[in-house]
Amino acid sequence: WAYYRAAMASRNGMVAMRLGGAGDMTAQSLLWRYDRAVSQLTSPLLYQGVLYMINDGGIVTAFRPRTGELIDRQRLRGAVDDYYASPVAADGKVYFVGVSGKVAVAEVDAGGELQLRVVNDLGSPSAATPALAEGRLYMRTASALWAFGESMPPGSN
């Protein structure tokens, strides 16, 4: 109960701070503050000059990292879930993996807004952040390790 009370009484949100200085630089260093709920588990993603974060419930928020200007806030329809995996991005797409194993794939437009393109179901729970390597996207679930990408000739790795 003490933990729950402390969590509910704490200030939730995100801040951006300017680096440098000496002593208590709080007032001079604060660039911006976002005072709405933020994820307690996932890391934000900086991709193509936009900061993205995913909250439980499948709510994605996009900011301009220098100013804190809100670009987009939307719910990923078909991917309303809890999120333990941090988002990853490649090739103009951002990937969000929910605990149930649903993967939402969204394209990034020129202004940083996301357009949800597809939600795929891996068929098994997942709490792992996907990995990107050599043109492939790797996703781990409770029952399998998936690799998505173009096939490579045998012995080319």
C-alpha atoms as a PDB file:
ATOM      1  CA  TRP A   1       0.000   0.000   0.000  1.00  0.00           C
ATOM      2  CA  ALA A   2       2.856   2.397   0.795  1.00  0.00           C
ATOM      3  CA  TYR A   3       4.337   1.854  -2.679  1.00  0.00           C
ATOM      4  CA  TYR A   4       0.977   2.462  -4.350  1.00  0.00           C
ATOM      5  CA  ARG A   5       0.399   5.653  -2.345  1.00  0.00           C
ATOM      6  CA  ALA A   6       3.881   6.941  -3.191  1.00  0.00           C
ATOM      7  CA  ALA A   7       3.441   6.117  -6.881  1.00  0.00           C
ATOM      8  CA  MET A   8       0.093   7.891  -7.040  1.00  0.00           C
ATOM      9  CA  ALA A   9       1.481  10.950  -5.223  1.00  0.00           C
ATOM     10  CA  SER A  10       4.573  11.255  -7.419  1.00  0.00           C
ATOM     11  CA  ARG A  11       4.719  13.603 -10.360  1.00  0.00           C
ATOM     12  CA  ASN A  12       4.601  11.697 -13.638  1.00  0.00           C
ATOM     13  CA  GLY A  13       5.844  13.037 -16.944  1.00  0.00           C
ATOM     14  CA  MET A  14       8.904  13.746 -19.035  1.00  0.00           C
ATOM     15  CA  VAL A  15      11.390  16.600 -18.924  1.00  0.00           C
ATOM     16  CA  ALA A  16      14.135  17.766 -21.272  1.00  0.00           C
ATOM     17  CA  MET A  17      17.166  19.377 -19.679  1.00  0.00           C
ATOM     18  CA  ARG A  18      20.031  21.403 -21.149  1.00  0.00           C
ATOM     19  CA  LEU A  19      23.401  19.892 -20.216  1.00  0.00           C
ATOM     20  CA  GLY A  20      26.226  21.771 -18.510  1.00  0.00           C
ATOM     21  CA  GLY A  21      26.605  24.233 -15.676  1.00  0.00           C
ATOM     22  CA  ALA A  22      27.522  23.845 -12.025  1.00  0.00           C
ATOM     23  CA  GLY A  23      25.488  23.666  -8.858  1.00  0.00           C
ATOM     24  CA  ASP A  24      21.695  23.567  -8.912  1.00  0.00           C
ATOM     25  CA  MET A  25      20.908  24.335 -12.559  1.00  0.00           C
ATOM     26  CA  THR A  26      17.309  23.116 -12.460  1.00  0.00           C
ATOM     27  CA  ALA A  27      15.630  26.429 -13.291  1.00  0.00           C
ATOM     28  CA  GLN A  28      18.133  27.442 -15.985  1.00  0.00           C
ATOM     29  CA  SER A  29      18.395  23.999 -17.592  1.00  0.00           C
ATOM     30  CA  LEU A  30      14.755  23.019 -17.993  1.00  0.00           C
ATOM     31  CA  LEU A  31      13.949  23.075 -21.719  1.00  0.00           C
ATOM     32  CA  TRP A  32      10.439  21.648 -21.526  1.00  0.00           C
ATOM     33  CA  ARG A  33       8.131  19.494 -19.442  1.00  0.00           C
ATOM     34  CA  TYR A  34       5.358  17.095 -20.443  1.00  0.00           C
ATOM     35  CA  ASP A  35       3.047  16.570 -17.471  1.00  0.00           C
ATOM     36  CA  ARG A  36       0.894  13.709 -18.688  1.00  0.00           C
ATOM     37  CA  ALA A  37       1.361  10.021 -17.980  1.00  0.00           C
ATOM     38  CA  VAL A  38       4.428   8.385 -19.510  1.00  0.00           C
ATOM     39  CA  SER A  39       5.492   4.770 -19.668  1.00  0.00           C
ATOM     40  CA  GLN A  40       7.115   3.346 -16.576  1.00  0.00           C
ATOM     41  CA  LEU A  41       8.867   0.548 -18.518  1.00  0.00           C
ATOM     42  CA  THR A  42       9.552   1.390 -22.147  1.00  0.00           C
ATOM     43  CA  SER A  43      12.232   3.773 -23.329  1.00  0.00           C
ATOM     44  CA  PRO A  44      11.327   6.599 -25.671  1.00  0.00           C
ATOM     45  CA  LEU A  45      12.572   6.332 -29.256  1.00  0.00           C
ATOM     46  CA  LEU A  46      14.346   9.151 -31.104  1.00  0.00           C
ATOM     47  CA  TYR A  47      13.883   8.522 -34.826  1.00  0.00           C
ATOM     48  CA  GLN A  48      14.280  10.933 -37.739  1.00  0.00           C
ATOM     49  CA  GLY A  49      14.316  13.906 -35.368  1.00  0.00           C
ATOM     50  CA  VAL A  50      11.111  12.946 -33.525  1.00  0.00           C
ATOM     51  CA  LEU A  51      10.765  11.530 -30.005  1.00  0.00           C
ATOM     52  CA  TYR A  52       8.174   8.714 -29.764  1.00  0.00           C
ATOM     53  CA  MET A  53       6.864   6.980 -26.658  1.00  0.00           C
ATOM     54  CA  ILE A  54       4.272   4.249 -26.104  1.00  0.00           C
ATOM     55  CA  ASN A  55       2.075   3.911 -23.007  1.00  0.00           C
ATOM     56  CA  ASP A  56      -0.004   1.003 -21.838  1.00  0.00           C
ATOM     57  CA  GLY A  57      -3.260   1.014 -23.709  1.00  0.00           C
ATOM     58  CA  GLY A  58      -1.396   1.524 -26.993  1.00  0.00           C
ATOM     59  CA  ILE A  59      -1.202   5.302 -26.790  1.00  0.00           C
ATOM     60  CA  VAL A  60       1.673   6.717 -28.867  1.00  0.00           C
ATOM     61  CA  THR A  61       2.887  10.278 -28.336  1.00  0.00           C
ATOM     62  CA  ALA A  62       5.310  12.101 -30.658  1.00  0.00           C
ATOM     63  CA  PHE A  63       7.274  15.263 -29.736  1.00  0.00           C
ATOM     64  CA  ARG A  64       9.762  17.649 -31.240  1.00  0.00           C
ATOM     65  CA  PRO A  65      12.692  16.906 -28.913  1.00  0.00           C
ATOM     66  CA  ARG A  66      14.134  20.439 -28.861  1.00  0.00           C
ATOM     67  CA  THR A  67      10.899  22.216 -27.941  1.00  0.00           C
ATOM     68  CA  GLY A  68       8.573  19.572 -26.506  1.00  0.00           C
ATOM     69  CA  GLU A  69       5.944  20.509 -29.104  1.00  0.00           C
ATOM     70  CA  LEU A  70       3.361  17.767 -29.356  1.00  0.00           C
ATOM     71  CA  ILE A  71       3.256  16.427 -32.938  1.00  0.00           C
ATOM     72  CA  ASP A  72       0.857  13.528 -32.569  1.00  0.00           C
ATOM     73  CA  ARG A  73      -0.986  11.531 -29.910  1.00  0.00           C
ATOM     74  CA  GLN A  74      -3.027   8.521 -30.924  1.00  0.00           C
ATOM     75  CA  ARG A  75      -4.151   5.084 -29.850  1.00  0.00           C
ATOM     76  CA  LEU A  76      -2.917   2.174 -31.954  1.00  0.00           C
ATOM     77  CA  ARG A  77      -6.230   0.659 -33.021  1.00  0.00           C
ATOM     78  CA  GLY A  78      -6.039  -3.119 -32.874  1.00  0.00           C
ATOM     79  CA  ALA A  79      -3.008  -2.963 -30.566  1.00  0.00           C
ATOM     80  CA  VAL A  80      -4.573  -1.812 -27.283  1.00  0.00           C
ATOM     81  CA  ASP A  81      -2.270  -3.669 -24.910  1.00  0.00           C
ATOM     82  CA  ASP A  82       0.300  -3.321 -22.161  1.00  0.00           C
ATOM     83  CA  TYR A  83       3.792  -2.496 -23.437  1.00  0.00           C
ATOM     84  CA  TYR A  84       7.042  -3.715 -21.890  1.00  0.00           C
ATOM     85  CA  ALA A  85       9.108  -3.650 -25.108  1.00  0.00           C
ATOM     86  CA  SER A  86      10.545  -0.333 -26.226  1.00  0.00           C
ATOM     87  CA  PRO A  87       9.697   0.791 -29.758  1.00  0.00           C
ATOM     88  CA  VAL A  88      12.295   0.391 -32.529  1.00  0.00           C
ATOM     89  CA  ALA A  89      12.444   1.908 -36.006  1.00  0.00           C
ATOM     90  CA  ALA A  90      13.963   1.286 -39.414  1.00  0.00           C
ATOM     91  CA  ASP A  91      13.220   2.070 -43.041  1.00  0.00           C
ATOM     92  CA  GLY A  92      10.596   4.726 -42.232  1.00  0.00           C
ATOM     93  CA  LYS A  93       8.606   2.453 -39.926  1.00  0.00           C
ATOM     94  CA  VAL A  94       8.202   2.262 -36.148  1.00  0.00           C
ATOM     95  CA  TYR A  95       7.471  -1.117 -34.530  1.00  0.00           C
ATOM     96  CA  PHE A  96       5.541  -1.475 -31.262  1.00  0.00           C
ATOM     97  CA  VAL A  97       5.302  -4.921 -29.594  1.00  0.00           C
ATOM     98  CA  GLY A  98       2.549  -5.453 -27.030  1.00  0.00           C
ATOM     99  CA  VAL A  99       2.647  -7.975 -24.210  1.00  0.00           C
ATOM    100  CA  SER A 100       0.040 -10.153 -25.953  1.00  0.00           C
ATOM    101  CA  GLY A 101       2.400 -10.541 -28.942  1.00  0.00           C
ATOM    102  CA  LYS A 102       0.668  -8.107 -31.269  1.00  0.00           C
ATOM    103  CA  VAL A 103       3.056  -6.018 -33.359  1.00  0.00           C
ATOM    104  CA  ALA A 104       1.861  -2.643 -34.637  1.00  0.00           C
ATOM    105  CA  VAL A 105       3.752  -1.299 -37.645  1.00  0.00           C
ATOM    106  CA  ALA A 106       3.391   2.427 -38.332  1.00  0.00           C
ATOM    107  CA  GLU A 107       4.905   4.511 -41.120  1.00  0.00           C
ATOM    108  CA  VAL A 108       6.391   7.899 -40.312  1.00  0.00           C
ATOM    109  CA  ASP A 109       5.312  10.815 -42.505  1.00  0.00           C
ATOM    110  CA  ALA A 110       7.437  13.901 -43.250  1.00  0.00           C
ATOM    111  CA  GLY A 111       6.058  15.760 -40.210  1.00  0.00           C
ATOM    112  CA  GLY A 112       6.719  12.926 -37.771  1.00  0.00           C
ATOM    113  CA  GLU A 113       3.117  11.722 -37.521  1.00  0.00           C
ATOM    114  CA  LEU A 114       2.496   7.992 -37.556  1.00  0.00           C
ATOM    115  CA  GLN A 115       0.137   6.157 -39.863  1.00  0.00           C
ATOM    116  CA  LEU A 116      -0.740   2.708 -38.549  1.00  0.00           C
ATOM    117  CA  ARG A 117      -0.344   0.260 -41.451  1.00  0.00           C
ATOM    118  CA  VAL A 118      -0.827  -3.187 -39.944  1.00  0.00           C
ATOM    119  CA  VAL A 119      -1.116  -5.098 -36.683  1.00  0.00           C
ATOM    120  CA  ASN A 120       0.308  -8.621 -36.781  1.00  0.00           C
ATOM    121  CA  ASP A 121      -0.127 -11.250 -34.087  1.00  0.00           C
ATOM    122  CA  LEU A 122       2.931 -13.360 -33.228  1.00  0.00           C
ATOM    123  CA  GLY A 123       0.662 -15.820 -31.398  1.00  0.00           C
ATOM    124  CA  SER A 124       2.605 -15.785 -28.148  1.00  0.00           C
ATOM    125  CA  PRO A 125       3.257 -13.228 -25.379  1.00  0.00           C
ATOM    126  CA  SER A 126       6.271 -10.941 -25.689  1.00  0.00           C
ATOM    127  CA  ALA A 127       8.032  -8.581 -23.322  1.00  0.00           C
ATOM    128  CA  ALA A 128      11.297  -8.224 -25.278  1.00  0.00           C
ATOM    129  CA  THR A 129      12.370  -5.169 -27.251  1.00  0.00           C
ATOM    130  CA  PRO A 130      12.962  -6.143 -30.890  1.00  0.00           C
ATOM    131  CA  ALA A 131      16.507  -6.068 -32.259  1.00  0.00           C
ATOM    132  CA  LEU A 132      17.633  -4.774 -35.638  1.00  0.00           C
ATOM    133  CA  ALA A 133      20.704  -6.212 -37.368  1.00  0.00           C
ATOM    134  CA  GLU A 134      21.896  -6.626 -40.942  1.00  0.00           C
ATOM    135  CA  GLY A 135      18.555  -5.756 -42.517  1.00  0.00           C
ATOM    136  CA  ARG A 136      16.552  -8.035 -40.247  1.00  0.00           C
ATOM    137  CA  LEU A 137      14.092  -7.439 -37.445  1.00  0.00           C
ATOM    138  CA  TYR A 138      14.315  -9.981 -34.604  1.00  0.00           C
ATOM    139  CA  MET A 139      11.422 -10.477 -32.185  1.00  0.00           C
ATOM    140  CA  ARG A 140      11.354 -12.861 -29.237  1.00  0.00           C
ATOM    141  CA  THR A 141       8.164 -14.266 -27.771  1.00  0.00           C
ATOM    142  CA  ALA A 142       7.572 -16.781 -24.987  1.00  0.00           C
ATOM    143  CA  SER A 143       7.660 -19.584 -27.564  1.00  0.00           C
ATOM    144  CA  ALA A 144       9.799 -18.474 -30.511  1.00  0.00           C
ATOM    145  CA  LEU A 145      12.470 -16.201 -31.943  1.00  0.00           C
ATOM    146  CA  TRP A 146      11.288 -14.559 -35.157  1.00  0.00           C
ATOM    147  CA  ALA A 147      13.506 -13.031 -37.855  1.00  0.00           C
ATOM    148  CA  PHE A 148      11.919 -10.809 -40.498  1.00  0.00           C
ATOM    149  CA  GLY A 149      13.758  -9.572 -43.586  1.00  0.00           C
ATOM    150  CA  GLU A 150      14.993 -10.685 -46.926  1.00  0.00           C
ATOM    151  CA  SER A 151      16.467 -14.147 -47.071  1.00  0.00           C
ATOM    152  CA  MET A 152      20.236 -14.362 -47.461  1.00  0.00           C
ATOM    153  CA  PRO A 153      22.181 -16.934 -49.433  1.00  0.00           C
ATOM    154  CA  PRO A 154      23.554 -19.798 -47.301  1.00  0.00           C
ATOM    155  CA  GLY A 155      26.979 -19.048 -45.828  1.00  0.00           C
ATOM    156  CA  SER A 156      26.715 -15.266 -46.356  1.00  0.00           C
ATOM    157  CA  ASN A 157      26.609 -14.485 -42.600  1.00  0.00           C
END
